[in-house]
Protein backbone atom coordinates (compact mmCIF):
# COMPACT_ATOMS: atom_id res chain seq x y z
CA MET A 1 -34.72 121.73 102.30
CA ALA A 2 -38.25 122.17 103.47
CA LEU A 3 -39.39 125.60 104.51
CA HIS A 4 -41.10 125.74 107.87
CA GLN A 5 -43.03 128.65 109.26
CA ALA A 6 -42.59 129.32 112.92
CA GLN A 7 -44.09 131.95 115.18
CA TYR A 8 -42.05 132.78 118.24
CA PRO A 9 -41.38 135.69 120.59
CA ILE A 10 -38.59 138.08 119.66
CA SER A 11 -39.11 139.99 122.90
CA GLU A 12 -41.68 139.84 125.68
CA ALA A 13 -44.21 142.00 123.83
CA ASP A 14 -43.40 141.16 120.21
CA TRP A 15 -44.63 138.04 118.38
CA ARG A 16 -43.56 137.76 114.76
CA ARG A 17 -44.16 135.20 112.05
CA ALA A 18 -40.84 134.07 110.60
CA HIS A 19 -39.81 131.77 107.76
CA SER A 20 -36.89 129.55 108.66
CA PHE A 21 -35.03 126.69 107.04
CA LEU A 22 -34.06 123.54 108.91
CA GLY A 23 -30.40 124.60 108.91
CA ASP A 24 -31.23 127.91 110.62
CA ARG A 25 -31.09 128.81 114.29
CA ILE A 26 -33.89 130.73 115.94
CA SER A 27 -33.41 133.02 118.91
CA PHE A 28 -35.78 133.53 121.80
CA ASP A 29 -34.33 136.82 123.03
CA CYS A 30 -36.80 137.16 125.90
CA VAL A 31 -35.25 134.10 127.57
CA GLY A 32 -31.74 134.31 126.09
CA LEU A 33 -32.01 131.05 124.13
CA SER A 34 -30.92 130.15 120.60
CA VAL A 35 -31.89 126.76 119.14
CA ALA A 36 -31.24 124.99 115.85
CA LEU A 37 -34.59 124.55 114.11
CA ALA A 38 -33.60 121.00 113.13
CA ASP A 39 -33.26 120.16 116.83
CA LEU A 40 -36.86 121.21 117.40
CA TYR A 41 -38.06 119.08 114.48
CA HIS A 42 -35.77 116.06 114.98
CA ARG A 43 -38.64 113.64 115.71
CA ILE A 44 -40.74 114.74 112.72
CA ASN A 45 -40.91 111.98 110.13
CA ASN A 46 -41.90 113.48 106.79
CA ALA A 47 -40.30 113.78 103.36
CA GLY A 48 -38.80 117.21 104.04
CA MET A 49 -37.14 116.12 107.26
CA ARG A 50 -35.88 112.86 105.73
CA ASP A 51 -34.36 114.83 102.82
CA TYR A 52 -32.69 117.23 105.25
CA GLN A 53 -31.27 114.40 107.37
CA GLN A 54 -29.98 112.61 104.27
CA GLN A 55 -28.29 115.81 103.05
CA GLN A 56 -26.67 116.26 106.46
CA GLN A 57 -25.36 112.68 106.45
CA GLN A 58 -23.94 113.07 102.94
CA ALA A 59 -22.20 116.31 103.94
CA GLN A 60 -20.34 114.49 106.74
């Protein structure tokens, strides 16, 4: 799986750089939201995303 770097707020005053995999969920605590990283990248069409999608299909 491709490694993506995302920067997002952990709290209202705290921005951190985080390394996440496509299978991970990220939490936006300041707004009470948790999202699967793959859902944010679902329209990206590159080799890493195609590999991830293929792996997910094979797992089903």
